[in-house]
Amino acid sequence: MFKKLIGAICISSCLFYGLKAEATDVRVALVQGQKNVALKAEHAFKVLDLGTGTEQNFPKGKYFARIQDGHIYLEKTELGQAIQFISVDDKELPSINGRNYDGLLKIQIDGENLLATNTLELEKLLCRVLPSKTMPIWPDEAIKAQAVAARSYILHQKAQMAGKKYDLKALDEETPYIGLGQRVEKSAISKLIKETEGQFVADYYGRPIYALTTSSSGGKTESAKEALGVDYSYLKSVKDFDEDSPEHKWDFRISPDYVTELLAQHGFIVGKLANVRLSPANEPGGDRTESGRVKYLILGGSLGTAKLSGQHFAELFNLNSNNFDVQTGTPVPEKIEIPIENIYGMEIGRKQIPIKVKEKEPKIWNEYMRSYHVLTGGKDEKLIFRGKGKGKGIGLSAWGARAMASGEEPKSYKEILMHYYPGTHLVK
């Protein structure tokens, strides 16, 4: 009896989400936590008071929506607590904070602030968010995989936000939404989204998964348990195929003084930077995750120490990812430029000559203390970060999907999705 009940629940869950995936509206929060919302109307428009059901006409122009005495005011016109903008003669709606939208555009009071939302159909939303995550020239199966992952993510977030005033944030890293525009939608990508319409990746119970994605991981994706502290069964660490990514390997160099200054701006007072403690990626310690990403690093200085998570440090210093090694030293230039002169001593051009320097023998103390990186205080000394991948490294890798779809044995979008989200299945 129990098994039959569980089976019935799973079937009904699949049916419910299948119907929702085919035709569902998504409420995107455009403005949150602000007292004012700037509008600009190129054409006359109407405002529907959702509380009273009355409509008012407004001429084209610039407006500010604000809260006063528990009501929304559009300049000096008092309205209710929730309003909707209506087009006149099918003209475009007023822009919000400089961006244009279609669909249902609404502003409502949310606590002490205003909340502006744009409601539009899921498939239309996908056509506007996916082009920022992929390229039309990529293999069709890779783009389809990204489309299904994005749809799965949106449906998951919508289920999580049930009963709330919006489903998704416009600034969501997974689905960045900037509204309408000539450069927003790409017909080739929209066509592939259409070919996967209604499809999403589901977990064991038939629910849309939390389909996180990354640009590239540097050879191995990260598990959600390590990165987020939450163990999603389908967000495990798997092999990535992102060798063609321009960020597969990267270098970043920065002066110790700038590190000290930026840390101080964010409340970490260490004084003059003296050392950085981080185990090497090829000999990981407790400060690294299973995939080699940095859990935390410790920066010591003349006034104290600061312990930062690898992700926080990467975001603070705009590193591509938290998958990196650190070194200290004075970098040797890769090339030198010399002038070319004619027989009269006049410069007629310049030539670059590569510099190759034989690696110095490592310091003896550094061989025994591989996790301890000491700064000498030299004038041109730098902290050198050598890393891999771009993004948090969780879930489907865009560059990995591209490689899987274009290899000697090209994989289908379903195979790509099942690789990056193991233990899931595709709902059509």
Protein backbone atom coordinates (compact mmCIF):
# COMPACT_ATOMS: atom_id res chain seq x y z
CA MET A 1 0.00 0.00 0.00
CA PHE A 2 2.83 2.37 0.94
CA LYS A 3 4.66 1.70 -2.33
CA LYS A 4 1.49 2.38 -4.30
CA LEU A 5 1.00 5.66 -2.45
CA ILE A 6 4.57 6.78 -3.16
CA GLY A 7 4.12 5.80 -6.81
CA ALA A 8 0.93 7.82 -7.06
CA ILE A 9 2.62 10.84 -5.52
CA CYS A 10 5.53 10.60 -7.99
CA ILE A 11 3.18 10.24 -10.97
CA SER A 12 1.02 13.17 -9.92
CA SER A 13 4.14 15.24 -9.29
CA CYS A 14 5.43 14.50 -12.80
CA LEU A 15 2.05 15.30 -14.34
CA PHE A 16 1.77 18.55 -12.40
CA TYR A 17 5.23 19.78 -13.33
CA GLY A 18 4.84 18.59 -16.92
CA LEU A 19 1.73 20.73 -17.34
CA LYS A 20 3.34 23.68 -15.60
CA ALA A 21 6.46 23.45 -17.77
CA GLU A 22 4.45 23.58 -21.00
CA ALA A 23 2.52 26.75 -20.19
CA THR A 24 3.45 28.75 -17.13
CA ASP A 25 3.96 32.39 -16.30
CA VAL A 26 6.98 33.62 -14.37
CA ARG A 27 7.01 36.73 -12.18
CA VAL A 28 10.40 38.43 -12.37
CA ALA A 29 11.33 40.99 -9.73
CA LEU A 30 12.80 43.99 -11.56
CA VAL A 31 13.12 46.41 -8.63
CA GLN A 32 13.32 45.50 -4.95
CA GLY A 33 14.05 47.37 -1.74
CA GLN A 34 13.73 50.85 -3.27
CA LYS A 35 11.57 53.79 -2.21
CA ASN A 36 11.28 55.13 -5.76
CA VAL A 37 10.96 53.65 -9.23
CA ALA A 38 11.86 55.72 -12.31
CA LEU A 39 9.58 55.42 -15.34
CA LYS A 40 9.77 56.89 -18.81
CA ALA A 41 6.86 56.66 -21.26
CA GLU A 42 7.35 57.36 -24.96
CA HIS A 43 3.59 57.02 -25.45
CA ALA A 44 0.41 57.62 -23.47
CA PHE A 45 -0.51 54.75 -21.14
CA LYS A 46 -3.06 53.63 -18.58
CA VAL A 47 -2.67 52.60 -14.95
CA LEU A 48 -5.01 50.00 -13.45
CA ASP A 49 -5.49 50.21 -9.69
CA LEU A 50 -5.58 46.53 -8.74
CA GLY A 51 -7.36 47.31 -5.49
CA THR A 52 -10.34 49.26 -6.86
CA GLY A 53 -10.27 48.11 -10.49
CA THR A 54 -10.29 51.69 -11.77
CA GLU A 55 -8.15 52.94 -14.64
CA GLN A 56 -6.47 56.32 -15.14
CA ASN A 57 -4.89 57.78 -18.26
CA PHE A 58 -1.39 59.27 -18.24
CA PRO A 59 0.37 61.19 -21.02
CA LYS A 60 3.87 60.32 -22.21
CA GLY A 61 6.69 61.66 -20.09
CA LYS A 62 8.96 60.89 -17.15
CA TYR A 63 7.53 59.74 -13.83
CA PHE A 64 8.59 58.63 -10.38
CA ALA A 65 6.56 56.07 -8.46
CA ARG A 66 6.85 56.47 -4.68
CA ILE A 67 5.16 55.51 -1.42
CA GLN A 68 3.23 58.03 0.66
CA ASP A 69 0.74 57.32 3.46
CA GLY A 70 0.51 53.66 2.50
CA HIS A 71 -0.29 54.37 -1.15
CA ILE A 72 1.61 54.47 -4.41
CA TYR A 73 1.92 57.91 -5.96
CA LEU A 74 2.79 58.48 -9.60
CA GLU A 75 4.15 62.00 -9.25
CA LYS A 76 1.18 63.77 -7.57
CA THR A 77 -1.49 61.22 -8.49
CA GLU A 78 -2.56 59.00 -5.61
CA LEU A 79 -3.14 55.35 -6.51
CA GLY A 80 -3.65 52.13 -4.53
CA GLN A 81 -1.18 49.65 -3.05
CA ALA A 82 -0.71 47.72 -6.30
CA ILE A 83 -0.90 49.01 -9.87
CA GLN A 84 -0.57 47.57 -13.35
CA PHE A 85 0.51 49.42 -16.50
CA ILE A 86 -1.64 49.00 -19.60
CA SER A 87 -0.63 49.83 -23.16
CA VAL A 88 -2.71 52.18 -25.28
CA ASP A 89 -3.15 51.20 -28.95
CA ASP A 90 -0.56 48.41 -28.51
CA LYS A 91 2.22 50.93 -27.91
CA GLU A 92 5.17 49.99 -25.73
CA LEU A 93 4.79 50.19 -21.95
CA PRO A 94 6.72 52.71 -19.85
CA SER A 95 10.32 51.73 -19.21
CA ILE A 96 11.43 50.97 -15.66
CA ASN A 97 14.82 52.26 -14.56
CA GLY A 98 15.79 52.66 -18.22
CA ARG A 99 14.77 49.19 -19.44
CA ASN A 100 11.80 48.18 -21.58
CA TYR A 101 9.47 45.25 -20.95
CA ASP A 102 6.33 43.68 -22.36
CA GLY A 103 3.88 41.29 -20.73
CA LEU A 104 2.33 42.21 -17.39
CA LEU A 105 4.14 45.09 -15.69
CA LYS A 106 3.22 45.83 -12.10
CA ILE A 107 4.37 47.88 -9.10
CA GLN A 108 3.20 47.09 -5.57
CA ILE A 109 4.03 48.03 -2.02
CA ASP A 110 6.24 45.45 -0.34
CA GLY A 111 6.73 46.38 3.30
CA GLU A 112 8.30 49.85 3.34
CA ASN A 113 9.54 49.63 -0.24
CA LEU A 114 8.30 49.19 -3.79
CA LEU A 115 8.44 45.98 -5.78
CA ALA A 116 8.27 46.13 -9.58
CA THR A 117 7.58 42.86 -11.38
CA ASN A 118 7.30 41.71 -14.97
CA THR A 119 5.20 38.60 -15.61
CA LEU A 120 5.79 36.75 -18.87
CA GLU A 121 5.53 33.24 -20.26
CA LEU A 122 8.36 30.86 -19.37
CA GLU A 123 9.40 30.06 -22.95
CA LYS A 124 9.53 33.75 -23.83
CA LEU A 125 11.67 34.40 -20.76
CA LEU A 126 14.08 31.65 -21.81
CA CYS A 127 14.52 33.27 -25.23
CA ARG A 128 15.68 36.42 -23.44
CA VAL A 129 17.97 34.99 -20.79
CA LEU A 130 19.72 32.14 -22.62
CA PRO A 131 21.60 34.25 -25.23
CA SER A 132 23.71 35.75 -22.42
CA LYS A 133 24.84 32.24 -21.42
CA THR A 134 25.68 30.73 -24.81
CA MET A 135 26.47 31.54 -28.46
CA PRO A 136 24.45 30.76 -31.63
CA ILE A 137 27.54 29.24 -33.28
CA TRP A 138 27.83 26.55 -30.59
CA PRO A 139 26.61 22.99 -31.30
CA ASP A 140 22.83 22.64 -31.20
CA GLU A 141 22.93 19.88 -28.58
CA ALA A 142 24.97 22.04 -26.20
CA ILE A 143 22.50 24.92 -26.51
CA LYS A 144 19.56 22.54 -26.01
CA ALA A 145 21.20 21.23 -22.85
CA GLN A 146 21.59 24.78 -21.55
CA ALA A 147 17.96 25.57 -22.45
CA VAL A 148 16.62 22.57 -20.55
CA ALA A 149 18.88 23.34 -17.57
CA ALA A 150 17.67 26.97 -17.47
CA ARG A 151 14.02 25.87 -17.71
CA SER A 152 14.57 23.37 -14.90
CA TYR A 153 16.16 26.04 -12.73
CA ILE A 154 13.30 28.50 -13.28
CA LEU A 155 10.65 25.87 -12.50
CA HIS A 156 12.55 24.88 -9.36
CA GLN A 157 12.76 28.49 -8.19
CA LYS A 158 9.09 29.06 -8.98
CA ALA A 159 8.14 26.09 -6.80
CA GLN A 160 10.36 27.38 -3.99
CA MET A 161 8.74 30.83 -4.16
CA ALA A 162 5.13 29.60 -4.07
CA GLY A 163 3.02 32.09 -2.11
CA LYS A 164 5.57 34.90 -2.56
CA LYS A 165 5.18 38.05 -4.64
CA TYR A 166 7.69 37.00 -7.31
CA ASP A 167 9.32 33.83 -8.64
CA LEU A 168 12.71 35.01 -9.83
CA LYS A 169 15.02 38.00 -9.55
CA ALA A 170 16.10 39.84 -12.69
CA LEU A 171 19.67 39.84 -11.33
CA ASP A 172 19.70 36.08 -10.70
CA GLU A 173 23.14 34.80 -11.78
CA GLU A 174 21.60 31.79 -13.50
CA THR A 175 18.98 33.70 -15.49
CA PRO A 176 20.01 37.37 -15.89
CA TYR A 177 17.07 39.26 -17.38
CA ILE A 178 17.32 42.73 -18.93
CA GLY A 179 13.96 42.91 -20.70
CA LEU A 180 13.48 43.80 -24.36
CA GLY A 181 16.04 44.97 -26.89
CA GLN A 182 17.40 44.27 -30.37
CA ARG A 183 20.42 42.45 -28.98
CA VAL A 184 18.57 40.40 -26.36
CA GLU A 185 16.94 37.60 -28.35
CA LYS A 186 18.75 35.47 -30.96
CA SER A 187 16.55 33.65 -33.48
CA ALA A 188 18.89 30.63 -33.76
CA ILE A 189 18.82 30.12 -29.99
CA SER A 190 15.06 30.70 -29.79
CA LYS A 191 14.56 27.96 -32.39
CA LEU A 192 16.46 25.44 -30.27
CA ILE A 193 14.55 26.47 -27.15
CA LYS A 194 11.35 25.76 -29.08
CA GLU A 195 12.62 22.26 -29.93
CA THR A 196 12.92 21.48 -26.19
CA GLU A 197 9.70 23.24 -25.18
CA GLY A 198 8.26 21.99 -21.90
CA GLN A 199 11.22 19.70 -21.11
CA PHE A 200 13.01 19.82 -17.78
CA VAL A 201 15.41 17.73 -15.70
CA ALA A 202 13.71 16.04 -12.76
CA ASP A 203 14.91 14.38 -9.57
CA TYR A 204 13.78 10.97 -8.32
CA TYR A 205 10.40 12.40 -7.27
CA GLY A 206 9.74 14.10 -10.60
CA ARG A 207 10.47 17.61 -9.32
CA PRO A 208 12.46 20.13 -11.42
CA ILE A 209 16.02 20.18 -10.14
CA TYR A 210 18.09 23.08 -8.84
CA ALA A 211 19.97 23.13 -12.15
CA LEU A 212 22.96 25.31 -11.37
CA THR A 213 25.42 25.97 -14.18
CA THR A 214 28.94 27.28 -14.62
CA SER A 215 31.06 28.60 -17.48
CA SER A 216 33.89 26.11 -16.94
CA SER A 217 35.26 24.31 -13.90
CA GLY A 218 38.88 23.69 -14.82
CA GLY A 219 38.58 19.94 -15.32
CA LYS A 220 36.26 18.88 -12.49
CA THR A 221 33.00 20.34 -11.28
CA GLU A 222 32.31 21.09 -7.63
CA SER A 223 29.68 19.41 -5.46
CA ALA A 224 26.91 21.49 -3.92
CA LYS A 225 27.73 19.99 -0.53
CA GLU A 226 31.24 21.45 -0.65
CA ALA A 227 30.31 24.79 -2.22
CA LEU A 228 26.91 25.49 -0.65
CA GLY A 229 26.79 23.24 2.39
CA VAL A 230 23.65 21.56 0.98
CA ASP A 231 23.80 18.02 -0.37
CA TYR A 232 21.79 17.82 -3.60
CA SER A 233 22.03 14.23 -4.84
CA TYR A 234 22.43 15.39 -8.47
CA LEU A 235 25.00 18.15 -7.89
CA LYS A 236 28.07 15.99 -7.44
CA SER A 237 31.65 16.53 -8.57
CA VAL A 238 32.09 15.07 -12.07
CA LYS A 239 34.70 15.25 -14.83
CA ASP A 240 34.48 18.35 -16.98
CA PHE A 241 35.57 18.66 -20.61
CA ASP A 242 36.26 22.38 -20.69
CA GLU A 243 39.82 22.36 -22.04
CA ASP A 244 38.84 24.74 -24.86
CA SER A 245 37.55 27.37 -22.47
CA PRO A 246 39.61 30.60 -22.53
CA GLU A 247 39.42 30.48 -18.73
CA HIS A 248 40.44 26.84 -18.39
CA LYS A 249 43.73 28.18 -17.00
CA TRP A 250 44.44 31.75 -15.94
CA ASP A 251 46.94 33.95 -14.08
CA PHE A 252 46.28 36.99 -11.94
CA ARG A 253 48.89 39.18 -10.24
CA ILE A 254 48.36 41.79 -7.58
CA SER A 255 50.48 43.90 -5.24
CA PRO A 256 50.44 43.08 -1.50
CA ASP A 257 49.66 46.73 -0.69
CA TYR A 258 46.47 46.59 -2.74
CA VAL A 259 45.46 43.36 -0.99
CA THR A 260 45.94 45.05 2.38
CA GLU A 261 43.97 48.12 1.28
CA LEU A 262 41.04 46.16 -0.14
CA LEU A 263 40.86 43.90 2.89
CA ALA A 264 40.75 46.96 5.16
CA GLN A 265 37.88 48.42 3.11
CA HIS A 266 35.89 45.28 3.89
CA GLY A 267 36.69 45.20 7.60
CA PHE A 268 39.73 42.90 7.62
CA ILE A 269 42.59 44.80 9.29
CA VAL A 270 45.84 42.86 8.84
CA GLY A 271 48.34 45.69 8.43
CA LYS A 272 51.34 45.18 6.14
CA LEU A 273 50.83 41.80 4.48
CA ALA A 274 53.51 39.28 5.50
CA ASN A 275 52.26 35.84 4.46
CA VAL A 276 49.48 33.81 2.90
CA ARG A 277 48.60 30.31 4.11
CA LEU A 278 47.08 27.97 1.52
CA SER A 279 47.94 24.37 0.68
CA PRO A 280 48.99 23.65 -2.94
CA ALA A 281 46.37 22.15 -5.23
CA ASN A 282 48.51 19.07 -5.92
CA GLU A 283 48.88 18.43 -2.16
CA PRO A 284 45.52 19.62 -0.81
CA GLY A 285 44.98 20.07 2.88
CA GLY A 286 41.86 20.76 4.92
CA ASP A 287 41.63 24.19 3.34
CA ARG A 288 40.57 22.70 -0.02
CA THR A 289 37.53 20.79 -1.22
CA GLU A 290 37.65 17.33 -2.79
CA SER A 291 37.83 18.87 -6.27
CA GLY A 292 40.76 21.11 -5.24
CA ARG A 293 38.89 24.39 -4.83
CA VAL A 294 39.84 26.72 -2.01
CA LYS A 295 37.65 26.39 1.08
CA TYR A 296 39.53 29.13 2.89
CA LEU A 297 42.88 30.90 3.04
CA ILE A 298 44.56 32.86 5.81
CA LEU A 299 46.33 36.18 5.26
CA GLY A 300 48.73 37.35 7.96
CA GLY A 301 50.10 40.82 8.48
CA SER A 302 51.73 43.16 10.98
CA LEU A 303 48.42 43.85 12.76
CA GLY A 304 46.75 40.46 12.65
CA THR A 305 45.30 37.75 10.44
CA ALA A 306 42.18 37.34 8.32
CA LYS A 307 40.52 34.08 7.33
CA LEU A 308 38.41 34.31 4.17
CA SER A 309 36.48 31.67 2.30
CA GLY A 310 37.86 30.93 -1.13
CA GLN A 311 34.65 32.11 -2.79
CA HIS A 312 34.60 35.37 -0.81
CA PHE A 313 38.24 36.02 -1.68
CA ALA A 314 37.62 35.29 -5.37
CA GLU A 315 34.66 37.69 -5.43
CA LEU A 316 36.56 40.36 -3.50
CA PHE A 317 39.51 40.37 -5.90
CA ASN A 318 37.51 39.54 -9.05
CA LEU A 319 39.23 36.21 -9.65
CA ASN A 320 37.64 33.90 -12.22
CA SER A 321 37.02 31.20 -9.63
CA ASN A 322 38.07 29.90 -6.21
CA ASN A 323 40.07 27.13 -7.93
CA PHE A 324 43.58 28.55 -7.63
CA ASP A 325 47.12 28.27 -6.25
CA VAL A 326 49.07 31.20 -4.83
CA GLN A 327 52.74 32.15 -5.09
CA THR A 328 54.79 35.12 -3.99
CA GLY A 329 57.69 36.70 -5.83
CA THR A 330 58.84 39.25 -8.35
CA PRO A 331 57.59 38.19 -11.78
CA VAL A 332 60.06 38.29 -14.66
CA PRO A 333 58.66 39.99 -17.79
CA GLU A 334 57.74 37.57 -20.56
CA LYS A 335 59.33 39.74 -23.26
CA ILE A 336 61.41 42.87 -23.77
CA GLU A 337 60.89 45.49 -26.46
CA ILE A 338 63.91 47.01 -28.24
CA PRO A 339 64.10 49.75 -30.88
CA ILE A 340 65.16 49.07 -34.49
CA GLU A 341 67.32 51.83 -35.98
CA ASN A 342 68.50 52.60 -39.51
CA ILE A 343 72.09 53.42 -40.45
CA TYR A 344 71.50 57.05 -39.40
CA GLY A 345 70.50 56.09 -35.85
CA MET A 346 66.82 56.89 -36.41
CA GLU A 347 64.21 54.57 -34.92
CA ILE A 348 62.19 52.90 -37.67
CA GLY A 349 60.38 50.28 -35.61
CA ARG A 350 60.42 48.14 -32.51
CA LYS A 351 60.91 44.43 -31.89
CA GLN A 352 59.77 42.21 -29.04
CA ILE A 353 62.16 39.53 -27.83
CA PRO A 354 60.85 36.72 -25.59
CA ILE A 355 62.62 36.26 -22.26
CA LYS A 356 63.27 32.75 -21.03
CA VAL A 357 64.61 32.39 -17.51
CA LYS A 358 65.66 29.08 -16.02
CA GLU A 359 63.59 28.38 -12.91
CA LYS A 360 65.48 29.06 -9.70
CA GLU A 361 65.88 26.36 -7.12
CA PRO A 362 63.01 26.54 -4.63
CA LYS A 363 63.76 27.88 -1.17
CA ILE A 364 64.51 25.06 1.25
CA TRP A 365 61.94 26.27 3.81
CA ASN A 366 59.29 26.37 1.06
CA GLU A 367 59.87 22.66 0.33
CA TYR A 368 58.95 21.81 3.93
CA MET A 369 56.18 24.39 4.37
CA ARG A 370 54.32 24.19 1.07
CA SER A 371 51.25 25.89 2.54
CA TYR A 372 53.13 28.92 3.86
CA HIS A 373 53.82 31.71 1.35
CA VAL A 374 56.06 34.44 2.79
CA LEU A 375 56.38 37.99 1.42
CA THR A 376 59.81 39.59 1.56
CA GLY A 377 58.64 43.18 1.13
CA GLY A 378 60.46 43.74 -2.16
CA LYS A 379 59.52 46.75 -4.27
CA ASP A 380 58.03 44.83 -7.21
CA GLU A 381 56.82 41.81 -5.26
CA LYS A 382 53.47 40.34 -6.25
CA LEU A 383 50.96 37.79 -5.15
CA ILE A 384 50.55 35.46 -8.13
CA PHE A 385 47.34 33.46 -8.47
CA ARG A 386 47.28 30.61 -10.96
CA GLY A 387 43.81 29.21 -11.36
CA LYS A 388 41.42 27.14 -13.41
CA GLY A 389 37.86 27.60 -14.60
CA LYS A 390 35.36 30.42 -14.35
CA GLY A 391 32.42 30.52 -11.97
CA LYS A 392 31.52 28.44 -8.94
CA GLY A 393 32.03 25.23 -10.87
CA ILE A 394 28.69 23.62 -9.91
CA GLY A 395 26.44 21.75 -12.32
CA LEU A 396 26.40 21.91 -16.10
CA SER A 397 29.54 23.42 -17.61
CA ALA A 398 28.86 25.53 -20.72
CA TRP A 399 32.27 24.83 -22.24
CA GLY A 400 32.10 21.22 -21.17
CA ALA A 401 28.72 20.83 -22.87
CA ARG A 402 30.16 22.40 -26.00
CA ALA A 403 32.99 19.88 -26.06
CA MET A 404 30.69 16.91 -25.41
CA ALA A 405 28.41 17.98 -28.26
CA SER A 406 31.25 18.43 -30.76
CA GLY A 407 33.68 15.61 -29.95
CA GLU A 408 34.58 12.56 -32.03
CA GLU A 409 31.48 10.86 -30.62
CA PRO A 410 29.05 13.78 -30.19
CA LYS A 411 26.68 13.48 -27.25
CA SER A 412 22.99 14.40 -27.28
CA TYR A 413 21.63 17.11 -25.03
CA LYS A 414 20.06 14.40 -22.85
CA GLU A 415 23.43 12.64 -22.41
CA ILE A 416 25.07 15.96 -21.55
CA LEU A 417 22.43 16.72 -18.92
CA MET A 418 22.63 13.24 -17.39
CA HIS A 419 26.43 13.57 -17.12
CA TYR A 420 26.38 16.87 -15.24
CA TYR A 421 23.26 16.03 -13.20
CA PRO A 422 23.75 12.32 -12.35
CA GLY A 423 20.77 10.37 -11.06
CA THR A 424 18.19 12.58 -12.80
CA HIS A 425 15.85 12.00 -15.72
CA LEU A 426 14.43 14.12 -18.51
CA VAL A 427 10.72 14.93 -18.40
CA LYS A 428 9.20 15.65 -21.82
